[in-house]
Amino acid sequence: MKKIFFVFFFALLLFVFVGCGGHNYGSYNYPMVVVPDALGESYLDITENPFVSAQEQSTSAFALDTSTAGYANIRRMINQGTTVPKSAVKIEEMVNYFKYDYPAPAPGDGVGVSAEIIDCPWTPGNKLLTIGVKAEPLEIISPRKNNLVFLLDVSGSMAAPNKLPLMQDAFKLFLETLDDDDTISVVTYASGVSVRLNGAKGFEKKMIANIIEDLTAEGATAGSKGLQTAYAVAAQNFIEGGNNRIILGTDGDFNVGISNNKKLEEFITEKRKSGVYISVLGFGTGNLKDDKLEIITQNGNGKYSYIDSINEARKVLVEEIGGTLNVVAKDAKAQVTFNPRYVKEYRLLGYENKLLTDEEFEDEATDAGEIGAGHVATAVYELVLNNDKGVESSLGNNWLQIAVRFKSPEDDSPGEVVLPVNESHEKSAPSEDALFISGVIEFALLLRDSEYKGNASRQAIIARLSELNSVENDEYKKEFLELVEKYNK
């Protein structure tokens, strides 16, 4: 009974103090409302994007993102049999968890952009537009030297087996991928902050691993002081033209120092100007402050991943880390311009907290997302088509146009790739990538009990995905299908 009263009282406080209005956090459309759940976890509120008239508003812009925490976190909840909060369902992070066979960029472009239009499985008559953005592979670019600060939460809330012990194993896995001349520092925080190691080299892996292995969890959570110290250590070892990055391992519970989301966002935004990026690894069940971790990475030029197992640690910190550490497209953002002659209405699926205005898209100073070497970002729109020849448009016979803008991480020089999309992009025989993505989105709509779910069903997802060779040959996609089969609300 006490626990129920506490959750109710905490929710009431949130309503009184932050529920009275919205706030635009920097370039992102952050809500002020934070949604707690019975486990003490908290998420930024998500209000689903509506259908928009292309005649009234022909453009749609958003910051591209390659974070994947949303999917791994939901997987954890379903496997544990716990209720999935609606605001934990981030469609773009679910879709971007998986690999897709998008075309490689043209030489010198940095990123490639592709598009495919298929029938919408859950709303007969509507279409799905899949936009794929793929960065140059690691083999094409010259990997940069690393200056890394491991910022590790060793507070009392990290004592659970799926927190500190898993975090230790994860960082030791990561350690084995580093080169001998990489620079590694270790900063820990609990009630206070300790610099356990400053400026060691990659060839000292055994010594670094021993420091990580000896960590214990106790005390309060001075996360903001830990962040300040980590940025200072990164600055001391700064490599000009290198990859200077903090990698934070935590459950996100900052209860000492900067614990307010707005103040945290302002702090990270200011530190971003130093050239030090920050990526986040979230751990554990209960007390996960997803809202804070999302704000840190979106404003710190980083990627947010959730680690629920050693296999996920291997995926994030071994298989994908080369691309994460070597950014190809900085402040990557997309704008889609719809031709109202062919598209009556559109709805962006996901990216609710990453929306940009047209002015922000045009402004080179706008902070947006980062895409690492070989990584892909995907965005999907649901379309209601039109065929009104009386509508005038500068797009002519194109249904829409996609523009992706970004900066070089070396000198901030701007880049842009533009793709006109017409009826040739509509596929009667959809690619396996497009079919799989439709299944992920359909499942997300069911998890959210979305007002836009139409005829969505688990049975339809299972039937569609069971026939795909890409599911059979990809352990992560196969696992997703098993997750859909397991889920039974």
Protein backbone atom coordinates (compact mmCIF):
# COMPACT_ATOMS: atom_id res chain seq x y z
CA MET A 1 0.00 0.00 0.00
CA LYS A 2 2.86 2.37 0.83
CA LYS A 3 4.42 1.70 -2.58
CA ILE A 4 1.14 2.51 -4.35
CA PHE A 5 0.78 5.72 -2.36
CA PHE A 6 4.37 6.73 -3.17
CA VAL A 7 3.88 6.20 -6.91
CA PHE A 8 0.64 8.20 -6.81
CA PHE A 9 2.24 11.00 -4.79
CA PHE A 10 5.28 11.14 -7.11
CA ALA A 11 3.04 11.31 -10.18
CA LEU A 12 1.03 14.11 -8.54
CA LEU A 13 4.20 16.09 -7.89
CA LEU A 14 5.25 15.68 -11.51
CA PHE A 15 1.87 16.94 -12.65
CA VAL A 16 2.06 20.00 -10.41
CA PHE A 17 5.64 20.97 -11.21
CA VAL A 18 6.13 19.95 -14.83
CA GLY A 19 2.71 19.19 -16.25
CA CYS A 20 1.62 22.79 -16.63
CA GLY A 21 3.18 23.42 -20.01
CA GLY A 22 5.60 22.38 -22.69
CA HIS A 23 9.13 23.45 -23.37
CA ASN A 24 11.27 23.17 -26.47
CA TYR A 25 14.58 21.76 -25.32
CA GLY A 26 17.08 23.15 -27.80
CA SER A 27 16.47 21.78 -31.27
CA TYR A 28 14.38 18.87 -30.02
CA ASN A 29 10.71 18.80 -29.23
CA TYR A 30 11.09 17.50 -25.66
CA PRO A 31 8.00 17.32 -23.49
CA MET A 32 8.32 18.59 -19.94
CA VAL A 33 6.14 15.74 -18.70
CA VAL A 34 8.04 12.71 -17.42
CA VAL A 35 6.05 9.50 -17.07
CA PRO A 36 6.97 7.32 -14.05
CA ASP A 37 5.94 3.70 -13.66
CA ALA A 38 5.46 1.39 -10.69
CA LEU A 39 9.08 0.18 -10.87
CA GLY A 40 10.44 3.70 -10.42
CA GLU A 41 11.46 3.96 -14.08
CA SER A 42 10.74 7.19 -15.97
CA TYR A 43 10.31 8.07 -19.64
CA LEU A 44 9.78 11.24 -21.64
CA ASP A 45 6.13 11.41 -22.60
CA ILE A 46 5.35 10.61 -26.24
CA THR A 47 2.38 12.04 -28.09
CA GLU A 48 1.99 10.21 -31.39
CA ASN A 49 2.40 12.22 -34.57
CA PRO A 50 -0.98 12.80 -36.28
CA PHE A 51 -1.84 12.70 -39.95
CA VAL A 52 -1.01 16.03 -41.59
CA SER A 53 -2.54 17.51 -44.73
CA ALA A 54 0.13 17.88 -47.42
CA GLN A 55 -1.87 20.79 -48.86
CA GLU A 56 -1.69 22.68 -45.54
CA GLN A 57 1.86 21.64 -44.51
CA SER A 58 3.95 20.13 -47.29
CA THR A 59 7.20 19.70 -45.30
CA SER A 60 8.19 17.46 -42.40
CA ALA A 61 11.63 17.63 -40.73
CA PHE A 62 13.35 15.71 -37.94
CA ALA A 63 16.75 14.88 -36.50
CA LEU A 64 18.00 11.48 -37.66
CA ASP A 65 18.88 9.04 -34.91
CA THR A 66 20.58 5.66 -34.56
CA SER A 67 19.91 4.99 -30.86
CA THR A 68 18.57 1.51 -30.16
CA ALA A 69 17.79 1.55 -26.43
CA GLY A 70 14.03 1.53 -26.94
CA TYR A 71 13.96 -1.94 -28.50
CA ALA A 72 16.32 -3.64 -26.03
CA ASN A 73 14.41 -2.12 -23.12
CA ILE A 74 11.07 -3.39 -24.43
CA ARG A 75 12.59 -6.82 -25.04
CA ARG A 76 13.64 -6.89 -21.39
CA MET A 77 10.11 -6.03 -20.23
CA ILE A 78 8.42 -8.64 -22.40
CA ASN A 79 10.88 -11.34 -21.38
CA GLN A 80 10.28 -10.47 -17.72
CA GLY A 81 6.51 -10.42 -18.16
CA THR A 82 6.14 -6.79 -17.05
CA THR A 83 3.82 -4.20 -18.56
CA VAL A 84 5.34 -2.05 -21.31
CA PRO A 85 4.64 1.66 -20.63
CA LYS A 86 3.38 3.46 -23.73
CA SER A 87 6.10 6.10 -23.51
CA ALA A 88 8.79 3.38 -23.53
CA VAL A 89 7.73 2.48 -27.08
CA LYS A 90 9.99 4.55 -29.34
CA ILE A 91 9.33 3.39 -32.89
CA GLU A 92 12.50 4.82 -34.43
CA GLU A 93 14.69 3.07 -31.83
CA MET A 94 12.91 -0.22 -32.44
CA VAL A 95 13.35 0.02 -36.21
CA ASN A 96 16.96 1.23 -36.01
CA TYR A 97 18.00 -1.70 -33.82
CA PHE A 98 18.27 -3.94 -36.89
CA LYS A 99 20.55 -3.98 -39.93
CA TYR A 100 19.20 -3.33 -43.43
CA ASP A 101 20.69 -3.75 -46.88
CA TYR A 102 20.41 -0.16 -48.08
CA PRO A 103 22.46 1.01 -51.08
CA ALA A 104 25.94 2.31 -50.31
CA PRO A 105 26.60 6.04 -50.70
CA ALA A 106 27.95 7.35 -53.98
CA PRO A 107 31.71 8.06 -53.76
CA GLY A 108 32.30 11.28 -51.87
CA ASP A 109 28.70 11.69 -50.67
CA GLY A 110 29.29 10.48 -47.10
CA VAL A 111 25.76 9.08 -46.85
CA GLY A 112 23.36 7.42 -49.24
CA VAL A 113 19.59 7.90 -49.27
CA SER A 114 17.05 5.38 -50.57
CA ALA A 115 13.27 5.09 -50.57
CA GLU A 116 10.63 2.39 -51.03
CA ILE A 117 6.84 2.62 -51.00
CA ILE A 118 4.71 -0.43 -50.17
CA ASP A 119 1.12 -1.16 -49.15
CA CYS A 120 0.39 -0.44 -45.48
CA PRO A 121 -0.40 -3.81 -43.85
CA TRP A 122 -2.66 -2.46 -41.09
CA THR A 123 -4.59 0.23 -43.03
CA PRO A 124 -5.87 -0.98 -46.43
CA GLY A 125 -5.48 1.69 -49.10
CA ASN A 126 -2.68 3.53 -47.32
CA LYS A 127 1.01 3.27 -48.20
CA LEU A 128 4.25 3.07 -46.20
CA LEU A 129 7.23 5.15 -47.28
CA THR A 130 10.52 3.77 -45.94
CA ILE A 131 13.50 6.13 -46.02
CA GLY A 132 16.93 4.54 -45.58
CA VAL A 133 20.08 6.52 -44.81
CA LYS A 134 23.39 4.65 -44.87
CA ALA A 135 26.80 6.07 -43.95
CA GLU A 136 30.10 5.18 -45.60
CA PRO A 137 31.57 1.95 -44.18
CA LEU A 138 34.51 1.96 -41.80
CA GLU A 139 36.74 0.54 -44.54
CA ILE A 140 36.31 3.72 -46.62
CA ILE A 141 37.19 6.25 -43.93
CA SER A 142 40.34 6.57 -41.83
CA PRO A 143 39.50 5.55 -38.23
CA ARG A 144 40.39 8.25 -35.71
CA LYS A 145 42.48 7.79 -32.58
CA ASN A 146 40.39 7.35 -29.45
CA ASN A 147 40.42 9.36 -26.23
CA LEU A 148 37.79 7.58 -24.15
CA VAL A 149 36.55 8.21 -20.63
CA PHE A 150 34.61 5.36 -19.02
CA LEU A 151 32.19 7.12 -16.65
CA LEU A 152 30.81 4.38 -14.42
CA ASP A 153 27.93 4.65 -11.95
CA VAL A 154 28.85 2.71 -8.78
CA SER A 155 26.07 4.08 -6.55
CA GLY A 156 23.88 1.86 -4.39
CA SER A 157 21.17 1.63 -7.05
CA MET A 158 23.66 -0.26 -9.27
CA ALA A 159 24.09 -3.18 -6.85
CA ALA A 160 21.66 -5.52 -8.66
CA PRO A 161 23.13 -8.42 -10.72
CA ASN A 162 21.81 -6.93 -13.99
CA LYS A 163 23.47 -3.58 -13.26
CA LEU A 164 27.06 -3.29 -11.95
CA PRO A 165 28.18 -6.90 -12.66
CA LEU A 166 26.77 -6.75 -16.20
CA MET A 167 28.29 -3.29 -16.71
CA GLN A 168 31.70 -4.60 -15.62
CA ASP A 169 31.51 -7.50 -18.07
CA ALA A 170 30.34 -5.16 -20.85
CA PHE A 171 33.19 -2.68 -20.45
CA LYS A 172 35.76 -5.48 -20.27
CA LEU A 173 34.40 -6.77 -23.60
CA PHE A 174 34.69 -3.29 -25.05
CA LEU A 175 38.24 -2.95 -23.75
CA GLU A 176 39.38 -5.84 -25.94
CA THR A 177 38.37 -3.96 -29.11
CA LEU A 178 40.64 -0.96 -28.46
CA ASP A 179 44.01 -0.34 -30.08
CA ASP A 180 47.23 -0.22 -28.09
CA ASP A 181 47.68 3.53 -28.62
CA ASP A 182 44.12 4.50 -27.63
CA THR A 183 43.80 6.61 -24.49
CA ILE A 184 41.51 5.32 -21.73
CA SER A 185 40.46 6.95 -18.47
CA VAL A 186 38.10 5.63 -15.78
CA VAL A 187 35.93 7.89 -13.63
CA THR A 188 33.43 6.51 -11.10
CA TYR A 189 30.72 8.23 -9.11
CA ALA A 190 28.50 7.40 -6.16
CA SER A 191 28.18 9.79 -3.19
CA GLY A 192 31.42 11.29 -4.49
CA VAL A 193 33.57 11.09 -7.61
CA SER A 194 36.86 9.25 -8.13
CA VAL A 195 39.28 9.39 -11.06
CA ARG A 196 40.45 5.76 -11.01
CA LEU A 197 42.62 6.13 -14.10
CA ASN A 198 43.71 9.12 -16.17
CA GLY A 199 45.21 8.74 -19.62
CA ALA A 200 46.21 5.07 -19.67
CA LYS A 201 47.00 3.41 -23.00
CA GLY A 202 45.25 0.58 -24.77
CA PHE A 203 48.16 -1.80 -24.30
CA GLU A 204 47.49 -1.63 -20.52
CA LYS A 205 44.30 -3.63 -20.88
CA LYS A 206 44.94 -5.99 -17.97
CA MET A 207 45.47 -3.14 -15.53
CA ILE A 208 42.35 -1.33 -16.78
CA ALA A 209 40.29 -4.53 -16.58
CA ASN A 210 41.41 -5.07 -12.98
CA ILE A 211 40.26 -1.58 -12.03
CA ILE A 212 36.85 -2.25 -13.56
CA GLU A 213 36.63 -5.68 -11.92
CA ASP A 214 37.31 -4.27 -8.44
CA LEU A 215 34.39 -1.80 -8.47
CA THR A 216 31.64 -2.13 -5.85
CA ALA A 217 28.28 -0.36 -5.58
CA GLU A 218 27.20 1.79 -2.63
CA GLY A 219 26.12 5.32 -1.75
CA ALA A 220 24.09 8.09 -3.39
CA THR A 221 24.28 9.14 -7.05
CA ALA A 222 26.30 12.29 -7.78
CA GLY A 223 25.84 11.84 -11.52
CA SER A 224 26.22 15.50 -12.44
CA LYS A 225 29.54 15.78 -10.60
CA GLY A 226 30.66 12.62 -12.37
CA LEU A 227 29.77 14.17 -15.73
CA GLN A 228 31.68 17.36 -14.90
CA THR A 229 34.76 15.37 -13.92
CA ALA A 230 34.56 13.13 -16.99
CA TYR A 231 34.44 16.13 -19.32
CA ALA A 232 37.45 17.62 -17.51
CA VAL A 233 39.43 14.39 -17.86
CA ALA A 234 38.50 14.13 -21.54
CA ALA A 235 39.72 17.70 -22.04
CA GLN A 236 43.07 16.90 -20.38
CA ASN A 237 43.69 14.09 -22.86
CA PHE A 238 42.02 15.74 -25.86
CA ILE A 239 43.21 14.46 -29.25
CA GLU A 240 42.94 17.07 -31.99
CA GLY A 241 41.13 15.44 -34.91
CA GLY A 242 40.53 12.34 -32.80
CA ASN A 243 37.48 10.71 -31.28
CA ASN A 244 37.05 12.29 -27.86
CA ARG A 245 34.15 10.58 -26.13
CA ILE A 246 32.69 9.79 -22.73
CA ILE A 247 30.93 6.43 -22.42
CA LEU A 248 28.53 6.51 -19.50
CA GLY A 249 27.32 3.30 -17.86
CA THR A 250 24.38 3.87 -15.49
CA ASP A 251 20.74 3.32 -14.64
CA GLY A 252 20.34 7.09 -14.99
CA ASP A 253 19.36 7.91 -11.41
CA PHE A 254 20.92 11.32 -10.64
CA ASN A 255 19.80 12.25 -7.12
CA VAL A 256 22.69 14.56 -6.16
CA GLY A 257 23.59 17.72 -8.11
CA ILE A 258 21.90 18.40 -11.47
CA SER A 259 18.82 16.17 -11.32
CA ASN A 260 16.43 18.46 -13.23
CA ASN A 261 16.03 17.49 -16.90
CA LYS A 262 16.16 21.06 -18.20
CA LYS A 263 19.34 21.88 -16.24
CA LEU A 264 20.89 18.60 -17.39
CA GLU A 265 20.12 19.40 -21.03
CA GLU A 266 21.65 22.88 -20.69
CA PHE A 267 24.81 21.45 -19.12
CA ILE A 268 25.31 18.77 -21.80
CA THR A 269 24.59 21.25 -24.60
CA GLU A 270 27.30 23.59 -23.31
CA LYS A 271 29.84 20.76 -22.92
CA ARG A 272 29.13 19.54 -26.46
CA LYS A 273 30.86 22.67 -27.76
CA SER A 274 34.18 21.36 -26.40
CA GLY A 275 34.30 18.64 -29.07
CA VAL A 276 33.78 15.83 -26.54
CA TYR A 277 30.84 13.52 -27.40
CA ILE A 278 28.98 11.31 -24.93
CA SER A 279 27.32 7.94 -25.49
CA VAL A 280 25.23 6.14 -22.88
CA LEU A 281 24.73 2.52 -21.89
CA GLY A 282 21.64 1.99 -19.73
CA PHE A 283 21.49 -0.97 -17.34
CA GLY A 284 19.00 -2.72 -15.12
CA THR A 285 15.38 -3.10 -14.13
CA GLY A 286 13.76 -0.62 -11.79
CA ASN A 287 14.98 2.93 -11.30
CA LEU A 288 15.92 3.25 -15.00
CA LYS A 289 15.74 6.95 -15.83
CA ASP A 290 15.31 6.63 -19.57
CA ASP A 291 14.28 10.28 -19.83
CA LYS A 292 17.64 11.54 -18.53
CA LEU A 293 19.68 9.16 -20.66
CA GLU A 294 17.79 10.18 -23.81
CA ILE A 295 18.38 13.87 -23.07
CA ILE A 296 22.11 13.30 -22.46
CA THR A 297 22.73 11.51 -25.75
CA GLN A 298 20.54 13.68 -27.95
CA ASN A 299 22.26 16.82 -26.71
CA GLY A 300 25.72 15.29 -26.34
CA ASN A 301 26.21 14.02 -29.91
CA GLY A 302 25.97 10.43 -28.79
CA LYS A 303 24.10 7.16 -29.08
CA TYR A 304 21.89 5.59 -26.41
CA SER A 305 21.89 1.81 -26.01
CA TYR A 306 20.25 -0.35 -23.36
CA ILE A 307 22.16 -3.42 -22.20
CA ASP A 308 19.96 -6.23 -20.90
CA SER A 309 22.38 -9.12 -21.44
CA ILE A 310 25.98 -9.94 -22.27
CA ASN A 311 24.85 -10.74 -25.83
CA GLU A 312 23.50 -7.20 -26.18
CA ALA A 313 26.78 -5.87 -24.77
CA ARG A 314 28.63 -7.81 -27.47
CA LYS A 315 26.35 -6.40 -30.19
CA VAL A 316 26.76 -2.79 -29.03
CA LEU A 317 30.36 -2.79 -27.83
CA VAL A 318 32.02 -5.25 -30.20
CA GLU A 319 30.00 -5.64 -33.41
CA GLU A 320 28.88 -2.01 -33.79
CA ILE A 321 31.41 0.01 -31.81
CA GLY A 322 33.68 0.83 -34.76
CA GLY A 323 30.90 2.79 -36.41
CA THR A 324 29.76 4.37 -33.16
CA LEU A 325 33.22 5.77 -32.44
CA ASN A 326 33.79 7.00 -36.01
CA VAL A 327 31.05 9.46 -36.91
CA VAL A 328 30.57 10.12 -40.64
CA ALA A 329 27.54 12.44 -40.54
CA LYS A 330 27.35 14.97 -37.71
CA ASP A 331 24.08 16.80 -36.95
CA ALA A 332 22.26 14.66 -39.52
CA LYS A 333 18.69 15.73 -40.23
CA ALA A 334 16.05 15.01 -42.83
CA GLN A 335 13.31 17.00 -44.48
CA VAL A 336 10.59 15.46 -46.63
CA THR A 337 8.63 17.72 -48.98
CA PHE A 338 5.36 16.17 -50.14
CA ASN A 339 3.60 16.92 -53.41
CA PRO A 340 -0.10 17.43 -52.52
CA ARG A 341 -1.03 16.37 -56.03
CA TYR A 342 0.00 12.80 -55.15
CA VAL A 343 0.04 12.73 -51.32
CA LYS A 344 -3.10 13.86 -49.49
CA GLU A 345 -1.91 13.18 -45.92
CA TYR A 346 1.20 11.84 -44.21
CA ARG A 347 2.13 10.64 -40.73
CA LEU A 348 5.68 10.24 -39.43
CA LEU A 349 5.95 6.99 -37.45
CA GLY A 350 8.17 7.72 -34.45
CA TYR A 351 10.70 10.53 -33.97
CA GLU A 352 8.10 12.39 -31.85
CA ASN A 353 10.77 13.92 -29.60
CA LYS A 354 13.14 14.67 -32.48
CA LEU A 355 10.97 16.91 -34.65
CA LEU A 356 12.44 20.04 -36.20
CA THR A 357 10.87 23.14 -37.67
CA ASP A 358 11.69 24.10 -41.25
CA GLU A 359 13.79 26.94 -39.85
CA GLU A 360 15.79 24.52 -37.71
CA PHE A 361 16.34 22.26 -40.70
CA GLU A 362 17.70 25.20 -42.71
CA ASP A 363 19.90 26.45 -39.85
CA GLU A 364 23.38 24.90 -39.97
CA ALA A 365 23.77 25.56 -36.24
CA THR A 366 20.92 23.19 -35.35
CA ASP A 367 22.01 20.23 -33.26
CA ALA A 368 20.70 16.98 -34.69
CA GLY A 369 21.74 13.30 -34.77
CA GLU A 370 24.98 11.49 -35.55
CA ILE A 371 25.44 8.56 -37.92
CA GLY A 372 28.54 6.42 -37.53
CA ALA A 373 30.54 4.61 -40.20
CA GLY A 374 28.51 1.82 -41.80
CA HIS A 375 25.48 2.56 -39.64
CA VAL A 376 21.98 3.13 -40.99
CA ALA A 377 19.07 5.31 -39.93
CA THR A 378 15.51 4.58 -41.00
CA ALA A 379 12.37 6.70 -41.01
CA VAL A 380 8.89 5.64 -42.10
CA TYR A 381 5.80 7.61 -43.07
CA GLU A 382 2.26 6.33 -43.53
CA LEU A 383 0.74 7.99 -46.59
CA VAL A 384 -2.78 8.65 -47.82
CA LEU A 385 -2.39 9.05 -51.58
CA ASN A 386 -4.07 11.58 -53.82
CA ASN A 387 -4.42 12.02 -57.59
CA ASP A 388 -5.60 15.57 -58.06
CA LYS A 389 -4.21 16.89 -61.34
CA GLY A 390 -5.56 20.31 -60.51
CA VAL A 391 -3.00 20.80 -57.74
CA GLU A 392 0.08 22.79 -58.74
CA SER A 393 3.45 21.83 -57.28
CA SER A 394 7.09 22.62 -58.00
CA LEU A 395 7.80 18.89 -57.58
CA GLY A 396 6.16 18.09 -60.92
CA ASN A 397 5.56 14.35 -61.28
CA ASN A 398 7.52 13.46 -58.14
CA TRP A 399 5.42 12.31 -55.20
CA LEU A 400 7.85 13.80 -52.72
CA GLN A 401 11.47 14.82 -52.21
CA ILE A 402 13.84 13.74 -49.43
CA ALA A 403 16.71 15.97 -48.35
CA VAL A 404 19.32 14.81 -45.83
CA ARG A 405 21.76 17.36 -44.46
CA PHE A 406 24.77 16.79 -42.24
CA LYS A 407 28.23 18.10 -41.39
CA SER A 408 31.68 16.61 -41.66
CA PRO A 409 32.92 15.75 -38.14
CA GLU A 410 36.39 17.01 -39.10
CA ASP A 411 35.66 20.59 -40.14
CA ASP A 412 31.86 21.03 -39.94
CA SER A 413 31.67 21.50 -43.72
CA PRO A 414 28.05 20.95 -44.83
CA GLY A 415 26.84 18.05 -46.97
CA GLU A 416 23.48 17.32 -48.54
CA VAL A 417 21.95 14.43 -50.45
CA VAL A 418 18.60 14.93 -52.21
CA LEU A 419 16.38 12.13 -53.54
CA PRO A 420 13.23 12.76 -55.63
CA VAL A 421 10.67 9.99 -55.13
CA ASN A 422 8.05 9.03 -57.71
CA GLU A 423 5.88 6.10 -58.77
CA SER A 424 8.98 4.06 -59.66
CA HIS A 425 9.67 3.73 -55.92
CA GLU A 426 6.33 2.00 -55.34
CA LYS A 427 6.92 -1.75 -55.15
CA SER A 428 4.26 -4.37 -55.76
CA ALA A 429 6.84 -6.93 -54.61
CA PRO A 430 8.28 -5.30 -51.46
CA SER A 431 11.84 -5.87 -50.34
CA GLU A 432 12.42 -8.04 -47.28
CA ASP A 433 13.78 -4.98 -45.46
CA ALA A 434 10.54 -3.04 -46.02
CA LEU A 435 8.41 -6.01 -44.95
CA PHE A 436 10.44 -6.56 -41.78
CA ILE A 437 10.32 -2.86 -40.89
CA SER A 438 6.54 -2.90 -41.35
CA GLY A 439 6.37 -5.77 -38.85
CA VAL A 440 8.42 -3.88 -36.25
CA ILE A 441 6.20 -0.81 -36.60
CA GLU A 442 3.00 -2.85 -36.47
CA PHE A 443 4.19 -4.44 -33.22
CA ALA A 444 5.02 -0.99 -31.81
CA LEU A 445 1.49 0.20 -32.63
CA LEU A 446 0.08 -2.78 -30.72
CA LEU A 447 2.36 -2.14 -27.73
CA ARG A 448 1.20 1.47 -27.61
CA ASP A 449 -2.44 0.51 -28.29
CA SER A 450 -2.19 3.28 -30.86
CA GLU A 451 -5.28 5.02 -32.18
CA TYR A 452 -3.67 4.50 -35.61
CA LYS A 453 -3.20 0.72 -35.28
CA GLY A 454 -6.07 -0.08 -37.67
CA ASN A 455 -6.12 -3.83 -38.36
CA ALA A 456 -2.73 -4.50 -36.74
CA SER A 457 -2.37 -7.94 -35.13
CA ARG A 458 0.30 -10.27 -33.82
CA GLN A 459 -0.94 -12.98 -36.14
CA ALA A 460 -0.43 -10.78 -39.21
CA ILE A 461 3.10 -9.85 -38.11
CA ILE A 462 4.03 -13.47 -37.46
CA ALA A 463 2.62 -14.64 -40.80
CA ARG A 464 4.43 -11.92 -42.75
CA LEU A 465 7.81 -12.23 -41.04
CA SER A 466 7.88 -16.02 -40.90
CA GLU A 467 8.30 -16.12 -44.69
CA LEU A 468 11.38 -13.86 -44.80
CA ASN A 469 14.82 -15.34 -45.43
CA SER A 470 16.36 -12.31 -43.73
CA VAL A 471 14.63 -13.30 -40.49
CA GLU A 472 15.83 -16.87 -40.68
CA ASN A 473 19.41 -15.77 -41.38
CA ASP A 474 19.69 -12.95 -38.81
CA GLU A 475 19.75 -13.90 -35.12
CA TYR A 476 18.43 -10.51 -34.00
CA LYS A 477 15.52 -10.49 -36.45
CA LYS A 478 14.72 -14.08 -35.56
CA GLU A 479 14.70 -13.08 -31.90
CA PHE A 480 12.25 -10.27 -32.71
CA LEU A 481 9.84 -12.74 -34.29
CA GLU A 482 10.10 -14.92 -31.17
CA LEU A 483 9.38 -11.85 -29.04
CA VAL A 484 6.19 -11.13 -30.99
CA GLU A 485 5.15 -14.77 -30.55
CA LYS A 486 5.83 -14.55 -26.81
CA TYR A 487 3.97 -11.29 -26.23
CA ASN A 488 0.40 -11.85 -25.11
CA LYS A 489 -1.34 -8.86 -23.62
